[in-house]
Amino acid sequence: GTSSQNLYCVGLNGAIYHHSGTTW
């Protein structure tokens, strides 16, 4: 990510989560 307000998490079974700082 570029910051905790723009964080990407990826993993098993095609999972992608994005964190905006307040919400997922």
PDBML (XML) file of the C-alpha atoms, coordinates in Angstrom:
<?xml version="1.0" encoding="UTF-8" ?>
<PDBx:datablock datablockName="MODEL"
   xmlns:PDBx="http://pdbml.pdb.org/schema/pdbx-v50.xsd"
   xmlns:xsi="http://www.w3.org/2001/XMLSchema-instance"
   xsi:schemaLocation="http://pdbml.pdb.org/schema/pdbx-v50.xsd pdbx-v50.xsd">
   <PDBx:atom_siteCategory>
      <PDBx:atom_site id="1">
         <PDBx:B_iso_or_equiv>0.00</PDBx:B_iso_or_equiv>
         <PDBx:Cartn_x>0.000</PDBx:Cartn_x>
         <PDBx:Cartn_y>0.000</PDBx:Cartn_y>
         <PDBx:Cartn_z>0.000</PDBx:Cartn_z>
         <PDBx:auth_asym_id>A</PDBx:auth_asym_id>
         <PDBx:auth_atom_id>CA</PDBx:auth_atom_id>
         <PDBx:auth_comp_id>GLY</PDBx:auth_comp_id>
         <PDBx:auth_seq_id>1</PDBx:auth_seq_id>
         <PDBx:group_PDB>ATOM</PDBx:group_PDB>
         <PDBx:label_alt_id xsi:nil="true" />
         <PDBx:label_asym_id>A</PDBx:label_asym_id>
         <PDBx:label_atom_id>CA</PDBx:label_atom_id>
         <PDBx:label_comp_id>GLY</PDBx:label_comp_id>
         <PDBx:label_entity_id>1</PDBx:label_entity_id>
         <PDBx:label_seq_id>1</PDBx:label_seq_id>
         <PDBx:occupancy>1.00</PDBx:occupancy>
         <PDBx:pdbx_PDB_model_num>1</PDBx:pdbx_PDB_model_num>
         <PDBx:type_symbol>C</PDBx:type_symbol>
      </PDBx:atom_site>
      <PDBx:atom_site id="2">
         <PDBx:B_iso_or_equiv>0.00</PDBx:B_iso_or_equiv>
         <PDBx:Cartn_x>0.873</PDBx:Cartn_x>
         <PDBx:Cartn_y>3.670</PDBx:Cartn_y>
         <PDBx:Cartn_z>-0.051</PDBx:Cartn_z>
         <PDBx:auth_asym_id>A</PDBx:auth_asym_id>
         <PDBx:auth_atom_id>CA</PDBx:auth_atom_id>
         <PDBx:auth_comp_id>THR</PDBx:auth_comp_id>
         <PDBx:auth_seq_id>2</PDBx:auth_seq_id>
         <PDBx:group_PDB>ATOM</PDBx:group_PDB>
         <PDBx:label_alt_id xsi:nil="true" />
         <PDBx:label_asym_id>A</PDBx:label_asym_id>
         <PDBx:label_atom_id>CA</PDBx:label_atom_id>
         <PDBx:label_comp_id>THR</PDBx:label_comp_id>
         <PDBx:label_entity_id>1</PDBx:label_entity_id>
         <PDBx:label_seq_id>2</PDBx:label_seq_id>
         <PDBx:occupancy>1.00</PDBx:occupancy>
         <PDBx:pdbx_PDB_model_num>1</PDBx:pdbx_PDB_model_num>
         <PDBx:type_symbol>C</PDBx:type_symbol>
      </PDBx:atom_site>
      <PDBx:atom_site id="3">
         <PDBx:B_iso_or_equiv>0.00</PDBx:B_iso_or_equiv>
         <PDBx:Cartn_x>-0.378</PDBx:Cartn_x>
         <PDBx:Cartn_y>4.264</PDBx:Cartn_y>
         <PDBx:Cartn_z>3.499</PDBx:Cartn_z>
         <PDBx:auth_asym_id>A</PDBx:auth_asym_id>
         <PDBx:auth_atom_id>CA</PDBx:auth_atom_id>
         <PDBx:auth_comp_id>SER</PDBx:auth_comp_id>
         <PDBx:auth_seq_id>3</PDBx:auth_seq_id>
         <PDBx:group_PDB>ATOM</PDBx:group_PDB>
         <PDBx:label_alt_id xsi:nil="true" />
         <PDBx:label_asym_id>A</PDBx:label_asym_id>
         <PDBx:label_atom_id>CA</PDBx:label_atom_id>
         <PDBx:label_comp_id>SER</PDBx:label_comp_id>
         <PDBx:label_entity_id>1</PDBx:label_entity_id>
         <PDBx:label_seq_id>3</PDBx:label_seq_id>
         <PDBx:occupancy>1.00</PDBx:occupancy>
         <PDBx:pdbx_PDB_model_num>1</PDBx:pdbx_PDB_model_num>
         <PDBx:type_symbol>C</PDBx:type_symbol>
      </PDBx:atom_site>
      <PDBx:atom_site id="4">
         <PDBx:B_iso_or_equiv>0.00</PDBx:B_iso_or_equiv>
         <PDBx:Cartn_x>-2.722</PDBx:Cartn_x>
         <PDBx:Cartn_y>2.770</PDBx:Cartn_y>
         <PDBx:Cartn_z>6.099</PDBx:Cartn_z>
         <PDBx:auth_asym_id>A</PDBx:auth_asym_id>
         <PDBx:auth_atom_id>CA</PDBx:auth_atom_id>
         <PDBx:auth_comp_id>SER</PDBx:auth_comp_id>
         <PDBx:auth_seq_id>4</PDBx:auth_seq_id>
         <PDBx:group_PDB>ATOM</PDBx:group_PDB>
         <PDBx:label_alt_id xsi:nil="true" />
         <PDBx:label_asym_id>A</PDBx:label_asym_id>
         <PDBx:label_atom_id>CA</PDBx:label_atom_id>
         <PDBx:label_comp_id>SER</PDBx:label_comp_id>
         <PDBx:label_entity_id>1</PDBx:label_entity_id>
         <PDBx:label_seq_id>4</PDBx:label_seq_id>
         <PDBx:occupancy>1.00</PDBx:occupancy>
         <PDBx:pdbx_PDB_model_num>1</PDBx:pdbx_PDB_model_num>
         <PDBx:type_symbol>C</PDBx:type_symbol>
      </PDBx:atom_site>
      <PDBx:atom_site id="5">
         <PDBx:B_iso_or_equiv>0.00</PDBx:B_iso_or_equiv>
         <PDBx:Cartn_x>-5.456</PDBx:Cartn_x>
         <PDBx:Cartn_y>4.655</PDBx:Cartn_y>
         <PDBx:Cartn_z>4.260</PDBx:Cartn_z>
         <PDBx:auth_asym_id>A</PDBx:auth_asym_id>
         <PDBx:auth_atom_id>CA</PDBx:auth_atom_id>
         <PDBx:auth_comp_id>GLN</PDBx:auth_comp_id>
         <PDBx:auth_seq_id>5</PDBx:auth_seq_id>
         <PDBx:group_PDB>ATOM</PDBx:group_PDB>
         <PDBx:label_alt_id xsi:nil="true" />
         <PDBx:label_asym_id>A</PDBx:label_asym_id>
         <PDBx:label_atom_id>CA</PDBx:label_atom_id>
         <PDBx:label_comp_id>GLN</PDBx:label_comp_id>
         <PDBx:label_entity_id>1</PDBx:label_entity_id>
         <PDBx:label_seq_id>5</PDBx:label_seq_id>
         <PDBx:occupancy>1.00</PDBx:occupancy>
         <PDBx:pdbx_PDB_model_num>1</PDBx:pdbx_PDB_model_num>
         <PDBx:type_symbol>C</PDBx:type_symbol>
      </PDBx:atom_site>
      <PDBx:atom_site id="6">
         <PDBx:B_iso_or_equiv>0.00</PDBx:B_iso_or_equiv>
         <PDBx:Cartn_x>-4.678</PDBx:Cartn_x>
         <PDBx:Cartn_y>2.764</PDBx:Cartn_y>
         <PDBx:Cartn_z>1.060</PDBx:Cartn_z>
         <PDBx:auth_asym_id>A</PDBx:auth_asym_id>
         <PDBx:auth_atom_id>CA</PDBx:auth_atom_id>
         <PDBx:auth_comp_id>ASN</PDBx:auth_comp_id>
         <PDBx:auth_seq_id>6</PDBx:auth_seq_id>
         <PDBx:group_PDB>ATOM</PDBx:group_PDB>
         <PDBx:label_alt_id xsi:nil="true" />
         <PDBx:label_asym_id>A</PDBx:label_asym_id>
         <PDBx:label_atom_id>CA</PDBx:label_atom_id>
         <PDBx:label_comp_id>ASN</PDBx:label_comp_id>
         <PDBx:label_entity_id>1</PDBx:label_entity_id>
         <PDBx:label_seq_id>6</PDBx:label_seq_id>
         <PDBx:occupancy>1.00</PDBx:occupancy>
         <PDBx:pdbx_PDB_model_num>1</PDBx:pdbx_PDB_model_num>
         <PDBx:type_symbol>C</PDBx:type_symbol>
      </PDBx:atom_site>
      <PDBx:atom_site id="7">
         <PDBx:B_iso_or_equiv>0.00</PDBx:B_iso_or_equiv>
         <PDBx:Cartn_x>-3.649</PDBx:Cartn_x>
         <PDBx:Cartn_y>-0.801</PDBx:Cartn_y>
         <PDBx:Cartn_z>1.904</PDBx:Cartn_z>
         <PDBx:auth_asym_id>A</PDBx:auth_asym_id>
         <PDBx:auth_atom_id>CA</PDBx:auth_atom_id>
         <PDBx:auth_comp_id>LEU</PDBx:auth_comp_id>
         <PDBx:auth_seq_id>7</PDBx:auth_seq_id>
         <PDBx:group_PDB>ATOM</PDBx:group_PDB>
         <PDBx:label_alt_id xsi:nil="true" />
         <PDBx:label_asym_id>A</PDBx:label_asym_id>
         <PDBx:label_atom_id>CA</PDBx:label_atom_id>
         <PDBx:label_comp_id>LEU</PDBx:label_comp_id>
         <PDBx:label_entity_id>1</PDBx:label_entity_id>
         <PDBx:label_seq_id>7</PDBx:label_seq_id>
         <PDBx:occupancy>1.00</PDBx:occupancy>
         <PDBx:pdbx_PDB_model_num>1</PDBx:pdbx_PDB_model_num>
         <PDBx:type_symbol>C</PDBx:type_symbol>
      </PDBx:atom_site>
      <PDBx:atom_site id="8">
         <PDBx:B_iso_or_equiv>0.00</PDBx:B_iso_or_equiv>
         <PDBx:Cartn_x>-4.175</PDBx:Cartn_x>
         <PDBx:Cartn_y>-3.945</PDBx:Cartn_y>
         <PDBx:Cartn_z>-0.203</PDBx:Cartn_z>
         <PDBx:auth_asym_id>A</PDBx:auth_asym_id>
         <PDBx:auth_atom_id>CA</PDBx:auth_atom_id>
         <PDBx:auth_comp_id>TYR</PDBx:auth_comp_id>
         <PDBx:auth_seq_id>8</PDBx:auth_seq_id>
         <PDBx:group_PDB>ATOM</PDBx:group_PDB>
         <PDBx:label_alt_id xsi:nil="true" />
         <PDBx:label_asym_id>A</PDBx:label_asym_id>
         <PDBx:label_atom_id>CA</PDBx:label_atom_id>
         <PDBx:label_comp_id>TYR</PDBx:label_comp_id>
         <PDBx:label_entity_id>1</PDBx:label_entity_id>
         <PDBx:label_seq_id>8</PDBx:label_seq_id>
         <PDBx:occupancy>1.00</PDBx:occupancy>
         <PDBx:pdbx_PDB_model_num>1</PDBx:pdbx_PDB_model_num>
         <PDBx:type_symbol>C</PDBx:type_symbol>
      </PDBx:atom_site>
      <PDBx:atom_site id="9">
         <PDBx:B_iso_or_equiv>0.00</PDBx:B_iso_or_equiv>
         <PDBx:Cartn_x>-4.183</PDBx:Cartn_x>
         <PDBx:Cartn_y>-7.468</PDBx:Cartn_y>
         <PDBx:Cartn_z>1.221</PDBx:Cartn_z>
         <PDBx:auth_asym_id>A</PDBx:auth_asym_id>
         <PDBx:auth_atom_id>CA</PDBx:auth_atom_id>
         <PDBx:auth_comp_id>CYS</PDBx:auth_comp_id>
         <PDBx:auth_seq_id>9</PDBx:auth_seq_id>
         <PDBx:group_PDB>ATOM</PDBx:group_PDB>
         <PDBx:label_alt_id xsi:nil="true" />
         <PDBx:label_asym_id>A</PDBx:label_asym_id>
         <PDBx:label_atom_id>CA</PDBx:label_atom_id>
         <PDBx:label_comp_id>CYS</PDBx:label_comp_id>
         <PDBx:label_entity_id>1</PDBx:label_entity_id>
         <PDBx:label_seq_id>9</PDBx:label_seq_id>
         <PDBx:occupancy>1.00</PDBx:occupancy>
         <PDBx:pdbx_PDB_model_num>1</PDBx:pdbx_PDB_model_num>
         <PDBx:type_symbol>C</PDBx:type_symbol>
      </PDBx:atom_site>
      <PDBx:atom_site id="10">
         <PDBx:B_iso_or_equiv>0.00</PDBx:B_iso_or_equiv>
         <PDBx:Cartn_x>-4.185</PDBx:Cartn_x>
         <PDBx:Cartn_y>-10.494</PDBx:Cartn_y>
         <PDBx:Cartn_z>-1.107</PDBx:Cartn_z>
         <PDBx:auth_asym_id>A</PDBx:auth_asym_id>
         <PDBx:auth_atom_id>CA</PDBx:auth_atom_id>
         <PDBx:auth_comp_id>VAL</PDBx:auth_comp_id>
         <PDBx:auth_seq_id>10</PDBx:auth_seq_id>
         <PDBx:group_PDB>ATOM</PDBx:group_PDB>
         <PDBx:label_alt_id xsi:nil="true" />
         <PDBx:label_asym_id>A</PDBx:label_asym_id>
         <PDBx:label_atom_id>CA</PDBx:label_atom_id>
         <PDBx:label_comp_id>VAL</PDBx:label_comp_id>
         <PDBx:label_entity_id>1</PDBx:label_entity_id>
         <PDBx:label_seq_id>10</PDBx:label_seq_id>
         <PDBx:occupancy>1.00</PDBx:occupancy>
         <PDBx:pdbx_PDB_model_num>1</PDBx:pdbx_PDB_model_num>
         <PDBx:type_symbol>C</PDBx:type_symbol>
      </PDBx:atom_site>
      <PDBx:atom_site id="11">
         <PDBx:B_iso_or_equiv>0.00</PDBx:B_iso_or_equiv>
         <PDBx:Cartn_x>-4.125</PDBx:Cartn_x>
         <PDBx:Cartn_y>-14.237</PDBx:Cartn_y>
         <PDBx:Cartn_z>-0.643</PDBx:Cartn_z>
         <PDBx:auth_asym_id>A</PDBx:auth_asym_id>
         <PDBx:auth_atom_id>CA</PDBx:auth_atom_id>
         <PDBx:auth_comp_id>GLY</PDBx:auth_comp_id>
         <PDBx:auth_seq_id>11</PDBx:auth_seq_id>
         <PDBx:group_PDB>ATOM</PDBx:group_PDB>
         <PDBx:label_alt_id xsi:nil="true" />
         <PDBx:label_asym_id>A</PDBx:label_asym_id>
         <PDBx:label_atom_id>CA</PDBx:label_atom_id>
         <PDBx:label_comp_id>GLY</PDBx:label_comp_id>
         <PDBx:label_entity_id>1</PDBx:label_entity_id>
         <PDBx:label_seq_id>11</PDBx:label_seq_id>
         <PDBx:occupancy>1.00</PDBx:occupancy>
         <PDBx:pdbx_PDB_model_num>1</PDBx:pdbx_PDB_model_num>
         <PDBx:type_symbol>C</PDBx:type_symbol>
      </PDBx:atom_site>
      <PDBx:atom_site id="12">
         <PDBx:B_iso_or_equiv>0.00</PDBx:B_iso_or_equiv>
         <PDBx:Cartn_x>-5.781</PDBx:Cartn_x>
         <PDBx:Cartn_y>-17.596</PDBx:Cartn_y>
         <PDBx:Cartn_z>-1.098</PDBx:Cartn_z>
         <PDBx:auth_asym_id>A</PDBx:auth_asym_id>
         <PDBx:auth_atom_id>CA</PDBx:auth_atom_id>
         <PDBx:auth_comp_id>LEU</PDBx:auth_comp_id>
         <PDBx:auth_seq_id>12</PDBx:auth_seq_id>
         <PDBx:group_PDB>ATOM</PDBx:group_PDB>
         <PDBx:label_alt_id xsi:nil="true" />
         <PDBx:label_asym_id>A</PDBx:label_asym_id>
         <PDBx:label_atom_id>CA</PDBx:label_atom_id>
         <PDBx:label_comp_id>LEU</PDBx:label_comp_id>
         <PDBx:label_entity_id>1</PDBx:label_entity_id>
         <PDBx:label_seq_id>12</PDBx:label_seq_id>
         <PDBx:occupancy>1.00</PDBx:occupancy>
         <PDBx:pdbx_PDB_model_num>1</PDBx:pdbx_PDB_model_num>
         <PDBx:type_symbol>C</PDBx:type_symbol>
      </PDBx:atom_site>
      <PDBx:atom_site id="13">
         <PDBx:B_iso_or_equiv>0.00</PDBx:B_iso_or_equiv>
         <PDBx:Cartn_x>-8.657</PDBx:Cartn_x>
         <PDBx:Cartn_y>-18.307</PDBx:Cartn_y>
         <PDBx:Cartn_z>-3.471</PDBx:Cartn_z>
         <PDBx:auth_asym_id>A</PDBx:auth_asym_id>
         <PDBx:auth_atom_id>CA</PDBx:auth_atom_id>
         <PDBx:auth_comp_id>ASN</PDBx:auth_comp_id>
         <PDBx:auth_seq_id>13</PDBx:auth_seq_id>
         <PDBx:group_PDB>ATOM</PDBx:group_PDB>
         <PDBx:label_alt_id xsi:nil="true" />
         <PDBx:label_asym_id>A</PDBx:label_asym_id>
         <PDBx:label_atom_id>CA</PDBx:label_atom_id>
         <PDBx:label_comp_id>ASN</PDBx:label_comp_id>
         <PDBx:label_entity_id>1</PDBx:label_entity_id>
         <PDBx:label_seq_id>13</PDBx:label_seq_id>
         <PDBx:occupancy>1.00</PDBx:occupancy>
         <PDBx:pdbx_PDB_model_num>1</PDBx:pdbx_PDB_model_num>
         <PDBx:type_symbol>C</PDBx:type_symbol>
      </PDBx:atom_site>
      <PDBx:atom_site id="14">
         <PDBx:B_iso_or_equiv>0.00</PDBx:B_iso_or_equiv>
         <PDBx:Cartn_x>-8.393</PDBx:Cartn_x>
         <PDBx:Cartn_y>-14.962</PDBx:Cartn_y>
         <PDBx:Cartn_z>-5.250</PDBx:Cartn_z>
         <PDBx:auth_asym_id>A</PDBx:auth_asym_id>
         <PDBx:auth_atom_id>CA</PDBx:auth_atom_id>
         <PDBx:auth_comp_id>GLY</PDBx:auth_comp_id>
         <PDBx:auth_seq_id>14</PDBx:auth_seq_id>
         <PDBx:group_PDB>ATOM</PDBx:group_PDB>
         <PDBx:label_alt_id xsi:nil="true" />
         <PDBx:label_asym_id>A</PDBx:label_asym_id>
         <PDBx:label_atom_id>CA</PDBx:label_atom_id>
         <PDBx:label_comp_id>GLY</PDBx:label_comp_id>
         <PDBx:label_entity_id>1</PDBx:label_entity_id>
         <PDBx:label_seq_id>14</PDBx:label_seq_id>
         <PDBx:occupancy>1.00</PDBx:occupancy>
         <PDBx:pdbx_PDB_model_num>1</PDBx:pdbx_PDB_model_num>
         <PDBx:type_symbol>C</PDBx:type_symbol>
      </PDBx:atom_site>
      <PDBx:atom_site id="15">
         <PDBx:B_iso_or_equiv>0.00</PDBx:B_iso_or_equiv>
         <PDBx:Cartn_x>-8.915</PDBx:Cartn_x>
         <PDBx:Cartn_y>-12.890</PDBx:Cartn_y>
         <PDBx:Cartn_z>-2.107</PDBx:Cartn_z>
         <PDBx:auth_asym_id>A</PDBx:auth_asym_id>
         <PDBx:auth_atom_id>CA</PDBx:auth_atom_id>
         <PDBx:auth_comp_id>ALA</PDBx:auth_comp_id>
         <PDBx:auth_seq_id>15</PDBx:auth_seq_id>
         <PDBx:group_PDB>ATOM</PDBx:group_PDB>
         <PDBx:label_alt_id xsi:nil="true" />
         <PDBx:label_asym_id>A</PDBx:label_asym_id>
         <PDBx:label_atom_id>CA</PDBx:label_atom_id>
         <PDBx:label_comp_id>ALA</PDBx:label_comp_id>
         <PDBx:label_entity_id>1</PDBx:label_entity_id>
         <PDBx:label_seq_id>15</PDBx:label_seq_id>
         <PDBx:occupancy>1.00</PDBx:occupancy>
         <PDBx:pdbx_PDB_model_num>1</PDBx:pdbx_PDB_model_num>
         <PDBx:type_symbol>C</PDBx:type_symbol>
      </PDBx:atom_site>
      <PDBx:atom_site id="16">
         <PDBx:B_iso_or_equiv>0.00</PDBx:B_iso_or_equiv>
         <PDBx:Cartn_x>-8.269</PDBx:Cartn_x>
         <PDBx:Cartn_y>-9.132</PDBx:Cartn_y>
         <PDBx:Cartn_z>-2.281</PDBx:Cartn_z>
         <PDBx:auth_asym_id>A</PDBx:auth_asym_id>
         <PDBx:auth_atom_id>CA</PDBx:auth_atom_id>
         <PDBx:auth_comp_id>ILE</PDBx:auth_comp_id>
         <PDBx:auth_seq_id>16</PDBx:auth_seq_id>
         <PDBx:group_PDB>ATOM</PDBx:group_PDB>
         <PDBx:label_alt_id xsi:nil="true" />
         <PDBx:label_asym_id>A</PDBx:label_asym_id>
         <PDBx:label_atom_id>CA</PDBx:label_atom_id>
         <PDBx:label_comp_id>ILE</PDBx:label_comp_id>
         <PDBx:label_entity_id>1</PDBx:label_entity_id>
         <PDBx:label_seq_id>16</PDBx:label_seq_id>
         <PDBx:occupancy>1.00</PDBx:occupancy>
         <PDBx:pdbx_PDB_model_num>1</PDBx:pdbx_PDB_model_num>
         <PDBx:type_symbol>C</PDBx:type_symbol>
      </PDBx:atom_site>
      <PDBx:atom_site id="17">
         <PDBx:B_iso_or_equiv>0.00</PDBx:B_iso_or_equiv>
         <PDBx:Cartn_x>-9.150</PDBx:Cartn_x>
         <PDBx:Cartn_y>-6.678</PDBx:Cartn_y>
         <PDBx:Cartn_z>0.509</PDBx:Cartn_z>
         <PDBx:auth_asym_id>A</PDBx:auth_asym_id>
         <PDBx:auth_atom_id>CA</PDBx:auth_atom_id>
         <PDBx:auth_comp_id>TYR</PDBx:auth_comp_id>
         <PDBx:auth_seq_id>17</PDBx:auth_seq_id>
         <PDBx:group_PDB>ATOM</PDBx:group_PDB>
         <PDBx:label_alt_id xsi:nil="true" />
         <PDBx:label_asym_id>A</PDBx:label_asym_id>
         <PDBx:label_atom_id>CA</PDBx:label_atom_id>
         <PDBx:label_comp_id>TYR</PDBx:label_comp_id>
         <PDBx:label_entity_id>1</PDBx:label_entity_id>
         <PDBx:label_seq_id>17</PDBx:label_seq_id>
         <PDBx:occupancy>1.00</PDBx:occupancy>
         <PDBx:pdbx_PDB_model_num>1</PDBx:pdbx_PDB_model_num>
         <PDBx:type_symbol>C</PDBx:type_symbol>
      </PDBx:atom_site>
      <PDBx:atom_site id="18">
         <PDBx:B_iso_or_equiv>0.00</PDBx:B_iso_or_equiv>
         <PDBx:Cartn_x>-8.686</PDBx:Cartn_x>
         <PDBx:Cartn_y>-2.920</PDBx:Cartn_y>
         <PDBx:Cartn_z>0.436</PDBx:Cartn_z>
         <PDBx:auth_asym_id>A</PDBx:auth_asym_id>
         <PDBx:auth_atom_id>CA</PDBx:auth_atom_id>
         <PDBx:auth_comp_id>HIS</PDBx:auth_comp_id>
         <PDBx:auth_seq_id>18</PDBx:auth_seq_id>
         <PDBx:group_PDB>ATOM</PDBx:group_PDB>
         <PDBx:label_alt_id xsi:nil="true" />
         <PDBx:label_asym_id>A</PDBx:label_asym_id>
         <PDBx:label_atom_id>CA</PDBx:label_atom_id>
         <PDBx:label_comp_id>HIS</PDBx:label_comp_id>
         <PDBx:label_entity_id>1</PDBx:label_entity_id>
         <PDBx:label_seq_id>18</PDBx:label_seq_id>
         <PDBx:occupancy>1.00</PDBx:occupancy>
         <PDBx:pdbx_PDB_model_num>1</PDBx:pdbx_PDB_model_num>
         <PDBx:type_symbol>C</PDBx:type_symbol>
      </PDBx:atom_site>
      <PDBx:atom_site id="19">
         <PDBx:B_iso_or_equiv>0.00</PDBx:B_iso_or_equiv>
         <PDBx:Cartn_x>-8.399</PDBx:Cartn_x>
         <PDBx:Cartn_y>-0.809</PDBx:Cartn_y>
         <PDBx:Cartn_z>3.590</PDBx:Cartn_z>
         <PDBx:auth_asym_id>A</PDBx:auth_asym_id>
         <PDBx:auth_atom_id>CA</PDBx:auth_atom_id>
         <PDBx:auth_comp_id>HIS</PDBx:auth_comp_id>
         <PDBx:auth_seq_id>19</PDBx:auth_seq_id>
         <PDBx:group_PDB>ATOM</PDBx:group_PDB>
         <PDBx:label_alt_id xsi:nil="true" />
         <PDBx:label_asym_id>A</PDBx:label_asym_id>
         <PDBx:label_atom_id>CA</PDBx:label_atom_id>
         <PDBx:label_comp_id>HIS</PDBx:label_comp_id>
         <PDBx:label_entity_id>1</PDBx:label_entity_id>
         <PDBx:label_seq_id>19</PDBx:label_seq_id>
         <PDBx:occupancy>1.00</PDBx:occupancy>
         <PDBx:pdbx_PDB_model_num>1</PDBx:pdbx_PDB_model_num>
         <PDBx:type_symbol>C</PDBx:type_symbol>
      </PDBx:atom_site>
      <PDBx:atom_site id="20">
         <PDBx:B_iso_or_equiv>0.00</PDBx:B_iso_or_equiv>
         <PDBx:Cartn_x>-9.256</PDBx:Cartn_x>
         <PDBx:Cartn_y>2.894</PDBx:Cartn_y>
         <PDBx:Cartn_z>3.281</PDBx:Cartn_z>
         <PDBx:auth_asym_id>A</PDBx:auth_asym_id>
         <PDBx:auth_atom_id>CA</PDBx:auth_atom_id>
         <PDBx:auth_comp_id>SER</PDBx:auth_comp_id>
         <PDBx:auth_seq_id>20</PDBx:auth_seq_id>
         <PDBx:group_PDB>ATOM</PDBx:group_PDB>
         <PDBx:label_alt_id xsi:nil="true" />
         <PDBx:label_asym_id>A</PDBx:label_asym_id>
         <PDBx:label_atom_id>CA</PDBx:label_atom_id>
         <PDBx:label_comp_id>SER</PDBx:label_comp_id>
         <PDBx:label_entity_id>1</PDBx:label_entity_id>
         <PDBx:label_seq_id>20</PDBx:label_seq_id>
         <PDBx:occupancy>1.00</PDBx:occupancy>
         <PDBx:pdbx_PDB_model_num>1</PDBx:pdbx_PDB_model_num>
         <PDBx:type_symbol>C</PDBx:type_symbol>
      </PDBx:atom_site>
      <PDBx:atom_site id="21">
         <PDBx:B_iso_or_equiv>0.00</PDBx:B_iso_or_equiv>
         <PDBx:Cartn_x>-8.258</PDBx:Cartn_x>
         <PDBx:Cartn_y>3.782</PDBx:Cartn_y>
         <PDBx:Cartn_z>6.820</PDBx:Cartn_z>
         <PDBx:auth_asym_id>A</PDBx:auth_asym_id>
         <PDBx:auth_atom_id>CA</PDBx:auth_atom_id>
         <PDBx:auth_comp_id>GLY</PDBx:auth_comp_id>
         <PDBx:auth_seq_id>21</PDBx:auth_seq_id>
         <PDBx:group_PDB>ATOM</PDBx:group_PDB>
         <PDBx:label_alt_id xsi:nil="true" />
         <PDBx:label_asym_id>A</PDBx:label_asym_id>
         <PDBx:label_atom_id>CA</PDBx:label_atom_id>
         <PDBx:label_comp_id>GLY</PDBx:label_comp_id>
         <PDBx:label_entity_id>1</PDBx:label_entity_id>
         <PDBx:label_seq_id>21</PDBx:label_seq_id>
         <PDBx:occupancy>1.00</PDBx:occupancy>
         <PDBx:pdbx_PDB_model_num>1</PDBx:pdbx_PDB_model_num>
         <PDBx:type_symbol>C</PDBx:type_symbol>
      </PDBx:atom_site>
      <PDBx:atom_site id="22">
         <PDBx:B_iso_or_equiv>0.00</PDBx:B_iso_or_equiv>
         <PDBx:Cartn_x>-11.764</PDBx:Cartn_x>
         <PDBx:Cartn_y>3.504</PDBx:Cartn_y>
         <PDBx:Cartn_z>8.247</PDBx:Cartn_z>
         <PDBx:auth_asym_id>A</PDBx:auth_asym_id>
         <PDBx:auth_atom_id>CA</PDBx:auth_atom_id>
         <PDBx:auth_comp_id>THR</PDBx:auth_comp_id>
         <PDBx:auth_seq_id>22</PDBx:auth_seq_id>
         <PDBx:group_PDB>ATOM</PDBx:group_PDB>
         <PDBx:label_alt_id xsi:nil="true" />
         <PDBx:label_asym_id>A</PDBx:label_asym_id>
         <PDBx:label_atom_id>CA</PDBx:label_atom_id>
         <PDBx:label_comp_id>THR</PDBx:label_comp_id>
         <PDBx:label_entity_id>1</PDBx:label_entity_id>
         <PDBx:label_seq_id>22</PDBx:label_seq_id>
         <PDBx:occupancy>1.00</PDBx:occupancy>
         <PDBx:pdbx_PDB_model_num>1</PDBx:pdbx_PDB_model_num>
         <PDBx:type_symbol>C</PDBx:type_symbol>
      </PDBx:atom_site>
      <PDBx:atom_site id="23">
         <PDBx:B_iso_or_equiv>0.00</PDBx:B_iso_or_equiv>
         <PDBx:Cartn_x>-13.456</PDBx:Cartn_x>
         <PDBx:Cartn_y>0.732</PDBx:Cartn_y>
         <PDBx:Cartn_z>6.261</PDBx:Cartn_z>
         <PDBx:auth_asym_id>A</PDBx:auth_asym_id>
         <PDBx:auth_atom_id>CA</PDBx:auth_atom_id>
         <PDBx:auth_comp_id>THR</PDBx:auth_comp_id>
         <PDBx:auth_seq_id>23</PDBx:auth_seq_id>
         <PDBx:group_PDB>ATOM</PDBx:group_PDB>
         <PDBx:label_alt_id xsi:nil="true" />
         <PDBx:label_asym_id>A</PDBx:label_asym_id>
         <PDBx:label_atom_id>CA</PDBx:label_atom_id>
         <PDBx:label_comp_id>THR</PDBx:label_comp_id>
         <PDBx:label_entity_id>1</PDBx:label_entity_id>
         <PDBx:label_seq_id>23</PDBx:label_seq_id>
         <PDBx:occupancy>1.00</PDBx:occupancy>
         <PDBx:pdbx_PDB_model_num>1</PDBx:pdbx_PDB_model_num>
         <PDBx:type_symbol>C</PDBx:type_symbol>
      </PDBx:atom_site>
      <PDBx:atom_site id="24">
         <PDBx:B_iso_or_equiv>0.00</PDBx:B_iso_or_equiv>
         <PDBx:Cartn_x>-12.618</PDBx:Cartn_x>
         <PDBx:Cartn_y>-2.508</PDBx:Cartn_y>
         <PDBx:Cartn_z>4.497</PDBx:Cartn_z>
         <PDBx:auth_asym_id>A</PDBx:auth_asym_id>
         <PDBx:auth_atom_id>CA</PDBx:auth_atom_id>
         <PDBx:auth_comp_id>TRP</PDBx:auth_comp_id>
         <PDBx:auth_seq_id>24</PDBx:auth_seq_id>
         <PDBx:group_PDB>ATOM</PDBx:group_PDB>
         <PDBx:label_alt_id xsi:nil="true" />
         <PDBx:label_asym_id>A</PDBx:label_asym_id>
         <PDBx:label_atom_id>CA</PDBx:label_atom_id>
         <PDBx:label_comp_id>TRP</PDBx:label_comp_id>
         <PDBx:label_entity_id>1</PDBx:label_entity_id>
         <PDBx:label_seq_id>24</PDBx:label_seq_id>
         <PDBx:occupancy>1.00</PDBx:occupancy>
         <PDBx:pdbx_PDB_model_num>1</PDBx:pdbx_PDB_model_num>
         <PDBx:type_symbol>C</PDBx:type_symbol>
      </PDBx:atom_site>
   </PDBx:atom_siteCategory>
</PDBx:datablock>
